C-alpha atoms as a PDB file:
ATOM      1  CA  MET A   1     -32.373  -3.421  -1.992  1.00  0.00           C
ATOM      2  CA  ALA A   2     -33.175  -3.350   1.723  1.00  0.00           C
ATOM      3  CA  VAL A   3     -30.761  -6.215   2.355  1.00  0.00           C
ATOM      4  CA  ALA A   4     -27.959  -4.242   0.685  1.00  0.00           C
ATOM      5  CA  LEU A   5     -28.696  -1.214   2.859  1.00  0.00           C
ATOM      6  CA  VAL A   6     -28.704  -3.292   6.042  1.00  0.00           C
ATOM      7  CA  ALA A   7     -25.456  -5.025   5.020  1.00  0.00           C
ATOM      8  CA  GLY A   8     -23.858  -1.653   4.236  1.00  0.00           C
ATOM      9  CA  ALA A   9     -24.925  -0.276   7.595  1.00  0.00           C
ATOM     10  CA  LEU A  10     -23.474  -3.301   9.410  1.00  0.00           C
ATOM     11  CA  VAL A  11     -20.143  -2.994   7.603  1.00  0.00           C
ATOM     12  CA  ALA A  12     -19.979   0.755   8.258  1.00  0.00           C
ATOM     13  CA  GLY A  13     -20.727   0.169  11.924  1.00  0.00           C
ATOM     14  CA  ALA A  14     -18.074  -2.510  12.242  1.00  0.00           C
ATOM     15  CA  VAL A  15     -15.430  -0.378  10.540  1.00  0.00           C
ATOM     16  CA  GLY A  16     -16.385   2.663  12.572  1.00  0.00           C
ATOM     17  CA  GLY A  17     -16.140   0.660  15.775  1.00  0.00           C
ATOM     18  CA  CYS A  18     -12.656  -0.551  14.900  1.00  0.00           C
ATOM     19  CA  ALA A  19     -11.468   2.941  14.122  1.00  0.00           C
ATOM     20  CA  GLU A  20     -12.274   4.108  17.638  1.00  0.00           C
ATOM     21  CA  THR A  21     -10.306   1.333  19.316  1.00  0.00           C
ATOM     22  CA  THR A  22      -7.330   1.212  16.940  1.00  0.00           C
ATOM     23  CA  PRO A  23      -4.504   3.585  17.921  1.00  0.00           C
ATOM     24  CA  LEU A  24      -3.408   6.072  15.319  1.00  0.00           C
ATOM     25  CA  ALA A  25      -0.230   5.277  13.407  1.00  0.00           C
ATOM     26  CA  GLN A  26       2.802   6.777  15.043  1.00  0.00           C
ATOM     27  CA  LEU A  27       4.685   9.193  12.828  1.00  0.00           C
ATOM     28  CA  PRO A  28       8.472   8.965  12.871  1.00  0.00           C
ATOM     29  CA  ASP A  29      10.369  11.410  15.004  1.00  0.00           C
ATOM     30  CA  SER A  30      11.602  14.108  12.630  1.00  0.00           C
ATOM     31  CA  ALA A  31      14.911  14.252  14.506  1.00  0.00           C
ATOM     32  CA  LYS A  32      15.601  10.641  13.505  1.00  0.00           C
ATOM     33  CA  LEU A  33      14.917  11.119   9.791  1.00  0.00           C
ATOM     34  CA  PRO A  34      17.884  11.017   7.413  1.00  0.00           C
ATOM     35  CA  GLN A  35      19.416  14.404   6.729  1.00  0.00           C
ATOM     36  CA  LYS A  36      19.602  13.894   2.970  1.00  0.00           C
ATOM     37  CA  VAL A  37      16.348  14.261   1.077  1.00  0.00           C
ATOM     38  CA  LEU A  38      16.087  13.147  -2.538  1.00  0.00           C
ATOM     39  CA  THR A  39      15.773  15.812  -5.196  1.00  0.00           C
ATOM     40  CA  LYS A  40      12.856  15.670  -7.622  1.00  0.00           C
ATOM     41  CA  ASP A  41      15.112  14.096 -10.275  1.00  0.00           C
ATOM     42  CA  GLU A  42      16.382  11.483  -7.803  1.00  0.00           C
ATOM     43  CA  GLN A  43      12.814  10.740  -6.707  1.00  0.00           C
ATOM     44  CA  GLN A  44      11.690  10.279 -10.321  1.00  0.00           C
ATOM     45  CA  ARG A  45      14.699   8.087 -11.128  1.00  0.00           C
ATOM     46  CA  THR A  46      14.102   5.959  -8.029  1.00  0.00           C
ATOM     47  CA  MET A  47      10.388   5.599  -8.779  1.00  0.00           C
ATOM     48  CA  LYS A  48      11.166   4.577 -12.364  1.00  0.00           C
ATOM     49  CA  GLU A  49      13.620   1.932 -11.105  1.00  0.00           C
ATOM     50  CA  MET A  50      11.063   0.603  -8.621  1.00  0.00           C
ATOM     51  CA  ILE A  51       8.385   0.364 -11.317  1.00  0.00           C
ATOM     52  CA  GLU A  52      10.800  -1.424 -13.653  1.00  0.00           C
ATOM     53  CA  ARG A  53      11.731  -3.899 -10.901  1.00  0.00           C
ATOM     54  CA  GLY A  54       8.062  -4.557 -10.222  1.00  0.00           C
ATOM     55  CA  GLN A  55       7.369  -5.189 -13.898  1.00  0.00           C
ATOM     56  CA  THR A  56      10.380  -7.489 -14.151  1.00  0.00           C
ATOM     57  CA  HIS A  57       9.198  -9.351 -11.073  1.00  0.00           C
ATOM     58  CA  GLN A  58       5.724  -9.820 -12.567  1.00  0.00           C
ATOM     59  CA  THR A  59       7.202 -11.066 -15.845  1.00  0.00           C
ATOM     60  CA  GLU A  60       9.476 -13.537 -14.061  1.00  0.00           C
ATOM     61  CA  ALA A  61       6.611 -14.736 -11.855  1.00  0.00           C
ATOM     62  CA  ALA A  62       4.447 -15.335 -14.925  1.00  0.00           C
ATOM     63  CA  LYS A  63       7.274 -17.319 -16.538  1.00  0.00           C
ATOM     64  CA  GLN A  64       7.652 -19.458 -13.397  1.00  0.00           C
ATOM     65  CA  ILE A  65       3.899 -20.098 -13.289  1.00  0.00           C
ATOM     66  CA  GLU A  66       3.855 -21.114 -16.962  1.00  0.00           C
ATOM     67  CA  LYS A  67       6.890 -23.330 -16.408  1.00  0.00           C
ATOM     68  CA  GLY A  68       5.091 -25.084 -13.556  1.00  0.00           C
ATOM     69  CA  LYS A  69       2.030 -25.937 -15.665  1.00  0.00           C
END
């Protein structure tokens, strides 16, 4: 139990130390963003397509792995 607490404290200290020295992510300049923003329907359609592509990719990868065995 004490070992877990000490390990947790060390990890928290290490992560906290990194956060102070790592610069914050730079946000894009809003003037450079594209003028067209997707509508809710376009966003949903695009997300659905991305999910489908990811699932297809996983299926194809599994087939390639099985083929290699």
